[in-house]
Amino acid sequence: MVRVVVTGGAGFIGSHLVEKLVRRGFEVVVLDNLSSGSLENLSSVRSRVEMMIGDVKDLETCLKMFKDAEVVYHFAANPEVRVSTTEPRVHFEENVRATFTVAEAIRILESVKTVVFASSSTVYGDAQVIPTPEEHPLRPISVYGASKAAAELLLYSYSQLYGLRVVVLRYANIVGPRTRHGVIYDFIVKLSKNRNQLEVLGDGRQKKSYLYVDDAIEATLLAVESSVRSFSVYNVGNEDWVEVSDIAKIVSGVLGLKPELVFTSGTPDGRGWPGDVKFMLLSIERIKSLGWKPKYTSAEAVRLTAYALSRELGLLQT
């Protein structure tokens, strides 16, 4: 049985990945400090995984947990892009330093052959080409995006120096059950407190791609199975996009509400906050060439997520 490690495996995307890996017969080890994840996220497979509550920034912990593993899925990170504006060190510590520690542990052990890294569309910043291909220059406008780009470069150097196979997934906005950050979750929480009015950060015309988490996991595993190069990069997103104002209407409709939308622009050009990428649509031709395509559109992914989160938060009957 192939042994794999998932850092951040109790988090949103990580827990869905763990479930899929267990179903496919892998021996799965989860390393998570539970800063944003939860053991409840792994309730369906908890008895079938080895769980370590620990910090991925600790080298000794990584050495212990990575031993005898063939693949490390490095999904541990601070996912809140807005933290960049107030506490940039958080993203350095949790995204850059953590990735360096993971890479160092792998270098020392020499047993891990592949690392799979959860990167982000934010590495492109305000893209000059839309849909944005993987060859586009990396020009992040947030510390979060910069931290993901830096982590990619670290892993690239390790792939060249130490023979490590690296698969990088640049995710669009991944949504689905168990997520506890992002615009859909924010809207639901706000509407649970005020059914008549909904604050929208920015001018509502921000337009981005949203991908349902099941689609994202299928793309991830296919990329890992198919990649033969020492360093491979794949955009993982949808073929369409949706405006924030439409997301507000979808979420409100799921809850049976018609609130007044109040737009509070965080920047002069209508972004939600400084560092927010206003328009994002990735080119996914490379991952599609492997035989994958999303099952749900952006709007469908948003609606499915709104229903799931509303049930999880007790706002809808199951």
Foldseek 3Di string as FASTA:
>chain_A
DAEEEEEVLQADLNVVLVVVCVVVPYAYEYEYLPPHGDVVSNVVCNVRHHYDNDALLDLVVLLVRCARHAEYEYPWADPDQVVQVPPLVRRCVGQQSSLLSNLVSCLVRVRHAEYEYEAALQQCDQPPDPQAEPPRHGDHQGSNSVSRVNSLVSLVVSCVPPVHAYEYEHEWAEFAAPHCDDDLNQQVVVCVVPQAETEDQFPQAQKTFYAYSVLVSVLRVLSVVPDDDSYYYFYDTAPGIDTRNVLSVLLSVLLPGDHHYDYDYQDPRGARHRRHHRYHRHDGVVSVVSPGHGPDGRSRSSNNRSNNVCVVVVSDPD
